[in-house]
């Protein structure tokens, strides 16, 4: 029997059934489809994080001066934004994700215009520099909007564990 009067409760003799592994049922088998459904938000978030990184490197490729440290230093923010957008989409929180998605669309358009301009000119170009700066600012705002939206959603309506299976 446990001594509950001691400063630290202790049980000198443990009953054998406590550690008997044979009485614990096996966990139910999980199919690949169930795992895919369970982790679809995370998987989508990882794919979006990779896409955001591609956008960052594409924007960096338009710079005439080399600041090779900028994109690698921002990887945690890009990854966080991708995971946040994946989670918002998984939870069907379109209203909260809308500002980030709109800024993403603007960033993609600016990157496309910058690439088209890059095909027309060689060397340093003021318009390409302006487009690169604008894209960087829009991407920064997008990251802030997506991370802020996820924090807002999880604060107001936290994710709850599913009810236990009967």
N, C-alpha and C. Protein backbone atom coordinates (compact mmCIF):
# COMPACT_ATOMS: atom_id res chain seq x y z
N UNK A 1 0.84 -1.17 0.00
CA UNK A 1 0.00 0.00 0.00
C UNK A 1 0.89 1.25 0.00
N UNK A 2 0.45 2.30 -0.66
CA UNK A 2 1.22 3.52 -0.75
C UNK A 2 1.19 4.29 0.57
N UNK A 3 2.33 4.88 0.92
CA UNK A 3 2.43 5.71 2.11
C UNK A 3 2.23 7.16 1.70
N UNK A 4 1.02 7.67 1.88
CA UNK A 4 0.70 9.03 1.45
C UNK A 4 1.06 10.07 2.50
N UNK A 5 1.56 9.66 3.65
CA UNK A 5 1.97 10.61 4.69
C UNK A 5 3.42 11.03 4.51
N UNK A 6 4.17 10.32 3.70
CA UNK A 6 5.58 10.66 3.46
C UNK A 6 5.65 11.94 2.63
N UNK A 7 6.79 12.68 2.73
CA UNK A 7 6.93 13.91 1.93
C UNK A 7 6.78 13.64 0.43
N UNK A 8 7.25 12.50 0.01
CA UNK A 8 7.09 12.08 -1.37
C UNK A 8 6.37 10.74 -1.32
N UNK A 9 5.15 10.69 -1.89
CA UNK A 9 4.44 9.40 -1.83
C UNK A 9 5.26 8.30 -2.48
N UNK A 10 5.31 7.17 -1.82
CA UNK A 10 6.05 6.05 -2.39
C UNK A 10 5.32 4.75 -2.07
N UNK A 11 5.56 3.80 -2.90
CA UNK A 11 4.94 2.50 -2.74
C UNK A 11 6.06 1.48 -2.69
N UNK A 12 6.28 0.95 -1.52
CA UNK A 12 7.40 0.03 -1.33
C UNK A 12 7.22 -1.25 -2.14
N UNK A 13 6.04 -1.79 -2.16
CA UNK A 13 5.77 -3.00 -2.92
C UNK A 13 4.77 -2.70 -4.01
N UNK A 14 5.14 -2.94 -5.23
CA UNK A 14 4.24 -2.70 -6.35
C UNK A 14 3.49 -3.98 -6.68
N UNK A 15 2.25 -3.81 -7.00
CA UNK A 15 1.47 -4.99 -7.38
C UNK A 15 1.93 -5.47 -8.75
N UNK A 16 2.00 -6.75 -8.98
CA UNK A 16 2.56 -7.27 -10.24
C UNK A 16 1.77 -6.85 -11.48
N UNK A 17 0.46 -6.68 -11.36
CA UNK A 17 -0.32 -6.39 -12.57
C UNK A 17 -0.04 -5.00 -13.13
N UNK A 18 0.58 -4.10 -12.34
CA UNK A 18 0.87 -2.76 -12.83
C UNK A 18 1.82 -2.80 -14.02
N UNK A 19 2.80 -3.67 -13.97
CA UNK A 19 3.81 -3.74 -15.02
C UNK A 19 3.63 -4.91 -15.96
N UNK A 20 2.52 -5.55 -15.90
CA UNK A 20 2.26 -6.70 -16.76
C UNK A 20 1.85 -6.21 -18.15
N UNK A 21 2.75 -6.30 -19.12
CA UNK A 21 2.50 -5.80 -20.48
C UNK A 21 1.46 -6.63 -21.23
N UNK A 22 1.25 -7.85 -20.81
CA UNK A 22 0.31 -8.71 -21.54
C UNK A 22 -1.14 -8.26 -21.36
N UNK A 23 -1.44 -7.50 -20.32
CA UNK A 23 -2.82 -7.05 -20.11
C UNK A 23 -3.16 -5.78 -20.89
N UNK A 24 -2.14 -5.13 -21.47
CA UNK A 24 -2.36 -3.91 -22.24
C UNK A 24 -2.70 -4.30 -23.68
N UNK A 25 -3.82 -3.83 -24.20
CA UNK A 25 -4.19 -4.23 -25.57
C UNK A 25 -3.26 -3.57 -26.60
N UNK A 26 -3.12 -4.22 -27.74
CA UNK A 26 -2.32 -3.68 -28.83
C UNK A 26 -3.03 -2.46 -29.40
N UNK A 27 -2.25 -1.50 -29.89
CA UNK A 27 -2.87 -0.34 -30.50
C UNK A 27 -3.45 -0.73 -31.85
N UNK A 28 -4.53 -0.09 -32.24
CA UNK A 28 -5.15 -0.46 -33.52
C UNK A 28 -4.23 -0.10 -34.69
N UNK A 29 -4.33 -0.87 -35.73
CA UNK A 29 -3.52 -0.63 -36.93
C UNK A 29 -4.01 0.64 -37.62
N UNK A 30 -3.07 1.41 -38.15
CA UNK A 30 -3.39 2.64 -38.86
C UNK A 30 -3.00 2.46 -40.32
N UNK A 31 -3.93 2.77 -41.21
CA UNK A 31 -3.65 2.64 -42.64
C UNK A 31 -2.92 3.89 -43.13
N UNK A 32 -2.30 3.76 -44.29
CA UNK A 32 -1.62 4.90 -44.88
C UNK A 32 -2.60 6.03 -45.17
N UNK A 33 -3.79 5.70 -45.59
CA UNK A 33 -4.80 6.72 -45.88
C UNK A 33 -5.17 7.50 -44.62
N UNK A 34 -5.31 6.79 -43.49
CA UNK A 34 -5.62 7.47 -42.23
C UNK A 34 -4.48 8.40 -41.82
N UNK A 35 -3.25 7.97 -42.02
CA UNK A 35 -2.10 8.82 -41.72
C UNK A 35 -2.07 10.04 -42.62
N UNK A 36 -2.39 9.85 -43.89
CA UNK A 36 -2.41 10.97 -44.83
C UNK A 36 -3.47 11.99 -44.44
N UNK A 37 -4.65 11.52 -44.05
CA UNK A 37 -5.71 12.43 -43.62
C UNK A 37 -5.32 13.13 -42.33
N UNK A 38 -4.71 12.39 -41.41
CA UNK A 38 -4.33 12.96 -40.12
C UNK A 38 -3.29 14.07 -40.28
N UNK A 39 -2.36 13.87 -41.19
CA UNK A 39 -1.24 14.81 -41.33
C UNK A 39 -1.33 15.66 -42.60
N UNK A 40 -2.52 15.78 -43.19
CA UNK A 40 -2.62 16.52 -44.45
C UNK A 40 -2.27 18.00 -44.29
N UNK A 41 -2.62 18.60 -43.17
CA UNK A 41 -2.27 20.00 -42.95
C UNK A 41 -0.77 20.20 -42.87
N UNK A 42 -0.10 19.31 -42.14
CA UNK A 42 1.35 19.41 -42.02
C UNK A 42 2.03 19.16 -43.37
N UNK A 43 1.57 18.15 -44.10
CA UNK A 43 2.17 17.85 -45.41
C UNK A 43 1.96 19.00 -46.39
N UNK A 44 0.76 19.57 -46.39
CA UNK A 44 0.49 20.73 -47.24
C UNK A 44 1.38 21.89 -46.81
N UNK A 45 1.52 22.08 -45.51
CA UNK A 45 2.37 23.15 -45.00
C UNK A 45 3.82 22.99 -45.42
N UNK A 46 4.33 21.76 -45.38
CA UNK A 46 5.71 21.52 -45.81
C UNK A 46 5.87 21.80 -47.30
N UNK A 47 4.89 21.39 -48.11
CA UNK A 47 4.95 21.66 -49.55
C UNK A 47 4.90 23.17 -49.81
N UNK A 48 4.05 23.87 -49.07
CA UNK A 48 3.97 25.33 -49.23
C UNK A 48 5.26 26.01 -48.76
N UNK A 49 5.86 25.49 -47.70
CA UNK A 49 7.13 26.06 -47.23
C UNK A 49 8.20 25.92 -48.31
N UNK A 50 8.24 24.77 -48.98
CA UNK A 50 9.20 24.59 -50.08
C UNK A 50 8.90 25.55 -51.23
N UNK A 51 7.62 25.73 -51.53
CA UNK A 51 7.24 26.66 -52.60
C UNK A 51 7.62 28.10 -52.22
N UNK A 52 7.42 28.45 -50.96
CA UNK A 52 7.80 29.79 -50.51
C UNK A 52 9.30 29.99 -50.60
N UNK A 53 10.06 28.95 -50.29
CA UNK A 53 11.52 29.04 -50.40
C UNK A 53 11.93 29.21 -51.87
N UNK A 54 11.23 28.53 -52.77
CA UNK A 54 11.52 28.70 -54.20
C UNK A 54 11.24 30.15 -54.61
N UNK A 55 10.15 30.71 -54.10
CA UNK A 55 9.84 32.11 -54.39
C UNK A 55 10.94 33.03 -53.84
N UNK A 56 11.43 32.74 -52.65
CA UNK A 56 12.50 33.55 -52.06
C UNK A 56 13.77 33.48 -52.89
N UNK A 57 14.14 32.28 -53.32
CA UNK A 57 15.35 32.14 -54.12
C UNK A 57 15.18 32.77 -55.50
N UNK A 58 13.97 32.71 -56.05
CA UNK A 58 13.73 33.35 -57.34
C UNK A 58 13.85 34.86 -57.21
N UNK A 59 13.34 35.40 -56.13
CA UNK A 59 13.47 36.84 -55.89
C UNK A 59 14.93 37.21 -55.69
N UNK A 60 15.65 36.39 -54.95
CA UNK A 60 17.06 36.65 -54.72
C UNK A 60 17.88 36.59 -56.01
N UNK A 61 17.47 35.75 -56.94
CA UNK A 61 18.19 35.61 -58.21
C UNK A 61 18.14 36.89 -59.04
N UNK A 62 17.21 37.78 -58.75
CA UNK A 62 17.10 39.02 -59.54
C UNK A 62 18.01 40.11 -59.01
N UNK A 63 18.64 39.91 -57.87
CA UNK A 63 19.51 40.95 -57.31
C UNK A 63 20.81 41.01 -58.09
N UNK A 64 21.28 42.21 -58.32
CA UNK A 64 22.56 42.35 -59.03
C UNK A 64 23.72 42.26 -58.06
N UNK A 65 23.50 42.63 -56.79
CA UNK A 65 24.55 42.47 -55.79
C UNK A 65 24.29 41.18 -55.03
N UNK A 66 25.32 40.61 -54.49
CA UNK A 66 25.17 39.32 -53.83
C UNK A 66 25.04 39.50 -52.33
N UNK A 67 23.90 39.13 -51.85
CA UNK A 67 23.64 39.08 -50.41
C UNK A 67 23.21 37.64 -50.11
N UNK A 68 24.16 36.74 -50.19
CA UNK A 68 23.84 35.32 -50.11
C UNK A 68 23.32 34.89 -48.75
N UNK A 69 23.46 35.69 -47.74
CA UNK A 69 23.02 35.31 -46.41
C UNK A 69 21.54 35.58 -46.18
N UNK A 70 20.91 36.41 -47.02
CA UNK A 70 19.54 36.87 -46.75
C UNK A 70 18.53 35.71 -46.79
N UNK A 71 18.51 34.96 -47.86
CA UNK A 71 17.51 33.90 -47.98
C UNK A 71 17.73 32.79 -46.94
N UNK A 72 18.95 32.28 -46.76
CA UNK A 72 19.11 31.26 -45.72
C UNK A 72 18.74 31.74 -44.32
N UNK A 73 18.97 33.00 -44.02
CA UNK A 73 18.62 33.52 -42.69
C UNK A 73 17.11 33.59 -42.47
N UNK A 74 16.35 33.66 -43.56
CA UNK A 74 14.90 33.80 -43.42
C UNK A 74 14.16 32.46 -43.55
N UNK A 75 14.90 31.37 -43.68
CA UNK A 75 14.27 30.05 -43.83
C UNK A 75 13.28 29.75 -42.71
N UNK A 76 13.58 30.01 -41.44
CA UNK A 76 12.59 29.70 -40.40
C UNK A 76 11.26 30.44 -40.59
N UNK A 77 11.34 31.66 -41.08
CA UNK A 77 10.11 32.44 -41.29
C UNK A 77 9.31 31.89 -42.47
N UNK A 78 10.01 31.54 -43.55
CA UNK A 78 9.33 30.95 -44.71
C UNK A 78 8.69 29.62 -44.33
N UNK A 79 9.43 28.81 -43.60
CA UNK A 79 8.90 27.51 -43.18
C UNK A 79 7.69 27.70 -42.26
N UNK A 80 7.80 28.63 -41.33
CA UNK A 80 6.67 28.90 -40.44
C UNK A 80 5.44 29.37 -41.18
N UNK A 81 5.65 30.23 -42.17
CA UNK A 81 4.52 30.72 -42.97
C UNK A 81 3.89 29.59 -43.78
N UNK A 82 4.71 28.70 -44.32
CA UNK A 82 4.17 27.57 -45.07
C UNK A 82 3.35 26.65 -44.19
N UNK A 83 3.89 26.34 -43.01
CA UNK A 83 3.16 25.48 -42.07
C UNK A 83 1.87 26.18 -41.62
N UNK A 84 1.95 27.48 -41.37
CA UNK A 84 0.76 28.24 -40.95
C UNK A 84 -0.32 28.20 -42.02
N UNK A 85 0.06 28.44 -43.28
CA UNK A 85 -0.93 28.41 -44.36
C UNK A 85 -1.51 27.01 -44.53
N UNK A 86 -0.66 25.99 -44.45
CA UNK A 86 -1.16 24.62 -44.54
C UNK A 86 -2.16 24.31 -43.44
N UNK A 87 -1.87 24.77 -42.24
CA UNK A 87 -2.78 24.53 -41.10
C UNK A 87 -4.09 25.30 -41.27
N UNK A 88 -4.00 26.55 -41.74
CA UNK A 88 -5.21 27.35 -41.95
C UNK A 88 -6.09 26.71 -43.03
N UNK A 89 -5.48 26.22 -44.09
CA UNK A 89 -6.24 25.56 -45.15
C UNK A 89 -6.85 24.27 -44.62
N UNK A 90 -6.08 23.51 -43.85
CA UNK A 90 -6.58 22.26 -43.28
C UNK A 90 -7.78 22.51 -42.37
N UNK A 91 -7.76 23.60 -41.64
CA UNK A 91 -8.87 23.93 -40.74
C UNK A 91 -9.97 24.71 -41.43
N UNK A 92 -9.83 24.96 -42.73
CA UNK A 92 -10.83 25.68 -43.53
C UNK A 92 -11.06 27.10 -43.01
N UNK A 93 -10.00 27.76 -42.58
CA UNK A 93 -10.07 29.12 -42.08
C UNK A 93 -9.69 30.08 -43.20
N UNK A 94 -10.52 30.14 -44.23
CA UNK A 94 -10.24 30.92 -45.43
C UNK A 94 -10.25 32.42 -45.16
N UNK A 95 -11.16 32.87 -44.31
CA UNK A 95 -11.25 34.30 -44.01
C UNK A 95 -9.95 34.79 -43.36
N UNK A 96 -9.42 34.01 -42.43
CA UNK A 96 -8.20 34.40 -41.75
C UNK A 96 -6.98 34.29 -42.67
N UNK A 97 -7.01 33.33 -43.60
CA UNK A 97 -5.88 33.13 -44.51
C UNK A 97 -5.91 34.10 -45.70
N UNK A 98 -7.04 34.74 -45.94
CA UNK A 98 -7.22 35.59 -47.13
C UNK A 98 -6.16 36.69 -47.28
N UNK A 99 -5.83 37.46 -46.23
CA UNK A 99 -4.79 38.49 -46.43
C UNK A 99 -3.45 37.89 -46.85
N UNK A 100 -3.04 36.79 -46.23
CA UNK A 100 -1.79 36.15 -46.60
C UNK A 100 -1.83 35.61 -48.02
N UNK A 101 -2.95 35.03 -48.41
CA UNK A 101 -3.09 34.52 -49.78
C UNK A 101 -3.07 35.66 -50.80
N UNK A 102 -3.71 36.78 -50.47
CA UNK A 102 -3.69 37.93 -51.38
C UNK A 102 -2.26 38.46 -51.54
N UNK A 103 -1.53 38.55 -50.45
CA UNK A 103 -0.14 39.01 -50.53
C UNK A 103 0.73 38.01 -51.28
N UNK A 104 0.44 36.72 -51.13
CA UNK A 104 1.16 35.70 -51.90
C UNK A 104 0.92 35.89 -53.39
N UNK A 105 -0.32 36.15 -53.77
CA UNK A 105 -0.64 36.38 -55.18
C UNK A 105 0.11 37.61 -55.72
N UNK A 106 0.16 38.66 -54.93
CA UNK A 106 0.89 39.88 -55.35
C UNK A 106 2.37 39.55 -55.51
N UNK A 107 2.94 38.79 -54.58
CA UNK A 107 4.36 38.43 -54.66
C UNK A 107 4.65 37.60 -55.91
N UNK A 108 3.75 36.69 -56.23
CA UNK A 108 3.94 35.86 -57.43
C UNK A 108 3.86 36.71 -58.69
N UNK A 109 2.91 37.63 -58.74
CA UNK A 109 2.79 38.53 -59.90
C UNK A 109 4.04 39.39 -60.03
N UNK A 110 4.51 39.98 -58.92
CA UNK A 110 5.72 40.80 -58.97
C UNK A 110 6.93 39.99 -59.42
N UNK A 111 7.04 38.75 -58.96
CA UNK A 111 8.14 37.90 -59.38
C UNK A 111 8.05 37.60 -60.88
N UNK A 112 6.84 37.34 -61.37
CA UNK A 112 6.65 37.11 -62.81
C UNK A 112 7.04 38.32 -63.64
N UNK A 113 6.61 39.50 -63.22
CA UNK A 113 6.96 40.74 -63.93
C UNK A 113 8.47 40.93 -63.90
N UNK A 114 9.07 40.66 -62.77
CA UNK A 114 10.53 40.80 -62.64
C UNK A 114 11.25 39.84 -63.58
N UNK A 115 10.76 38.61 -63.70
CA UNK A 115 11.37 37.65 -64.62
C UNK A 115 11.22 38.10 -66.07
N UNK A 116 10.05 38.61 -66.40
CA UNK A 116 9.83 39.09 -67.77
C UNK A 116 10.77 40.26 -68.07
N UNK A 117 10.89 41.16 -67.10
CA UNK A 117 11.80 42.30 -67.27
C UNK A 117 13.24 41.81 -67.41
N UNK A 118 13.59 40.76 -66.68
CA UNK A 118 14.93 40.21 -66.77
C UNK A 118 15.25 39.65 -68.15
N UNK A 119 14.24 39.20 -68.88
CA UNK A 119 14.46 38.71 -70.24
C UNK A 119 14.68 39.86 -71.23
N UNK A 120 14.27 41.06 -70.85
CA UNK A 120 14.36 42.21 -71.76
C UNK A 120 15.63 43.02 -71.57
N UNK A 121 16.22 42.97 -70.37
CA UNK A 121 17.39 43.79 -70.09
C UNK A 121 18.54 42.92 -69.60
N UNK A 122 19.74 43.45 -69.75
CA UNK A 122 20.94 42.80 -69.22
C UNK A 122 21.57 43.74 -68.20
N UNK A 123 22.16 43.15 -67.16
CA UNK A 123 22.86 43.97 -66.19
C UNK A 123 21.93 44.64 -65.20
N UNK A 124 22.44 45.69 -64.60
CA UNK A 124 21.71 46.40 -63.55
C UNK A 124 20.52 47.16 -64.16
N UNK A 125 19.40 47.11 -63.45
CA UNK A 125 18.20 47.78 -63.93
C UNK A 125 17.41 48.29 -62.73
N UNK A 126 17.07 49.56 -62.75
CA UNK A 126 16.35 50.17 -61.64
C UNK A 126 14.97 49.56 -61.41
N UNK A 127 14.25 49.24 -62.49
CA UNK A 127 12.92 48.65 -62.35
C UNK A 127 13.00 47.27 -61.70
N UNK A 128 13.99 46.49 -62.11
CA UNK A 128 14.14 45.16 -61.50
C UNK A 128 14.50 45.27 -60.02
N UNK A 129 15.33 46.25 -59.68
CA UNK A 129 15.67 46.47 -58.27
C UNK A 129 14.42 46.85 -57.49
N UNK A 130 13.61 47.72 -58.05
CA UNK A 130 12.38 48.14 -57.37
C UNK A 130 11.41 46.97 -57.22
N UNK A 131 11.32 46.15 -58.26
CA UNK A 131 10.44 44.97 -58.19
C UNK A 131 10.94 43.98 -57.13
N UNK A 132 12.26 43.81 -57.05
CA UNK A 132 12.83 42.91 -56.04
C UNK A 132 12.55 43.42 -54.63
N UNK A 133 12.72 44.71 -54.43
CA UNK A 133 12.45 45.28 -53.11
C UNK A 133 10.98 45.16 -52.77
N UNK A 134 10.12 45.47 -53.73
CA UNK A 134 8.67 45.37 -53.50
C UNK A 134 8.28 43.92 -53.19
N UNK A 135 8.86 42.98 -53.91
CA UNK A 135 8.57 41.57 -53.65
C UNK A 135 9.01 41.17 -52.26
N UNK A 136 10.19 41.61 -51.85
CA UNK A 136 10.67 41.30 -50.51
C UNK A 136 9.76 41.86 -49.42
N UNK A 137 9.30 43.09 -49.61
CA UNK A 137 8.40 43.71 -48.63
C UNK A 137 7.07 42.97 -48.59
N UNK A 138 6.52 42.66 -49.77
CA UNK A 138 5.23 41.95 -49.83
C UNK A 138 5.37 40.56 -49.20
N UNK A 139 6.48 39.88 -49.45
CA UNK A 139 6.69 38.55 -48.85
C UNK A 139 6.81 38.65 -47.33
N UNK A 140 7.48 39.67 -46.84
CA UNK A 140 7.58 39.87 -45.39
C UNK A 140 6.21 40.11 -44.77
N UNK A 141 5.39 40.92 -45.44
CA UNK A 141 4.03 41.16 -44.95
C UNK A 141 3.20 39.87 -45.00
N UNK A 142 3.41 39.07 -46.06
CA UNK A 142 2.69 37.80 -46.18
C UNK A 142 3.04 36.88 -45.02
N UNK A 143 4.33 36.77 -44.72
CA UNK A 143 4.76 35.93 -43.60
C UNK A 143 4.11 36.38 -42.31
N UNK A 144 4.14 37.69 -42.06
CA UNK A 144 3.54 38.23 -40.84
C UNK A 144 2.04 37.97 -40.81
N UNK A 145 1.37 38.13 -41.95
CA UNK A 145 -0.08 37.92 -42.01
C UNK A 145 -0.44 36.46 -41.74
N UNK A 146 0.31 35.53 -42.32
CA UNK A 146 0.00 34.11 -42.13
C UNK A 146 0.30 33.64 -40.71
N UNK A 147 1.43 34.05 -40.17
CA UNK A 147 1.75 33.65 -38.79
C UNK A 147 0.78 34.30 -37.81
N UNK A 148 0.44 35.56 -38.05
CA UNK A 148 -0.53 36.24 -37.19
C UNK A 148 -1.91 35.60 -37.27
N UNK A 149 -2.30 35.20 -38.47
CA UNK A 149 -3.60 34.55 -38.64
C UNK A 149 -3.65 33.23 -37.89
N UNK A 150 -2.58 32.47 -37.96
CA UNK A 150 -2.57 31.19 -37.25
C UNK A 150 -2.62 31.40 -35.73
N UNK A 151 -1.88 32.36 -35.24
CA UNK A 151 -1.92 32.66 -33.80
C UNK A 151 -3.32 33.09 -33.40
N UNK A 152 -3.95 33.94 -34.21
CA UNK A 152 -5.31 34.41 -33.92
C UNK A 152 -6.30 33.25 -33.92
N UNK A 153 -6.22 32.39 -34.91
CA UNK A 153 -7.14 31.25 -35.01
C UNK A 153 -6.95 30.31 -33.82
N UNK A 154 -5.71 29.99 -33.49
CA UNK A 154 -5.46 29.06 -32.39
C UNK A 154 -5.78 29.67 -31.04
N UNK A 155 -5.76 31.00 -30.94
CA UNK A 155 -6.13 31.65 -29.69
C UNK A 155 -7.65 31.66 -29.52
N UNK A 156 -8.36 32.00 -30.59
CA UNK A 156 -9.82 32.09 -30.51
C UNK A 156 -10.51 30.74 -30.56
N UNK A 157 -9.97 29.83 -31.37
CA UNK A 157 -10.61 28.53 -31.57
C UNK A 157 -9.53 27.45 -31.59
N UNK A 158 -9.00 27.08 -30.42
CA UNK A 158 -7.88 26.14 -30.40
C UNK A 158 -8.24 24.77 -30.97
N UNK A 159 -7.25 24.13 -31.52
CA UNK A 159 -7.43 22.78 -32.02
C UNK A 159 -7.68 21.85 -30.84
N UNK A 160 -8.70 21.01 -31.00
CA UNK A 160 -9.04 20.07 -29.93
C UNK A 160 -8.76 18.65 -30.41
N UNK A 161 -8.42 17.82 -29.48
CA UNK A 161 -8.18 16.41 -29.80
C UNK A 161 -9.50 15.76 -30.18
N UNK A 162 -9.47 14.81 -31.10
CA UNK A 162 -10.71 14.12 -31.46
C UNK A 162 -11.24 13.31 -30.28
N UNK A 163 -12.53 13.06 -30.26
CA UNK A 163 -13.07 12.25 -29.16
C UNK A 163 -12.51 10.83 -29.24
N UNK A 164 -12.36 10.18 -28.10
CA UNK A 164 -11.80 8.82 -28.13
C UNK A 164 -12.73 7.84 -28.85
N UNK A 165 -12.12 6.90 -29.53
CA UNK A 165 -12.91 5.88 -30.24
C UNK A 165 -13.54 4.95 -29.22
N UNK A 166 -14.76 4.57 -29.52
CA UNK A 166 -15.48 3.71 -28.57
C UNK A 166 -15.08 2.26 -28.71
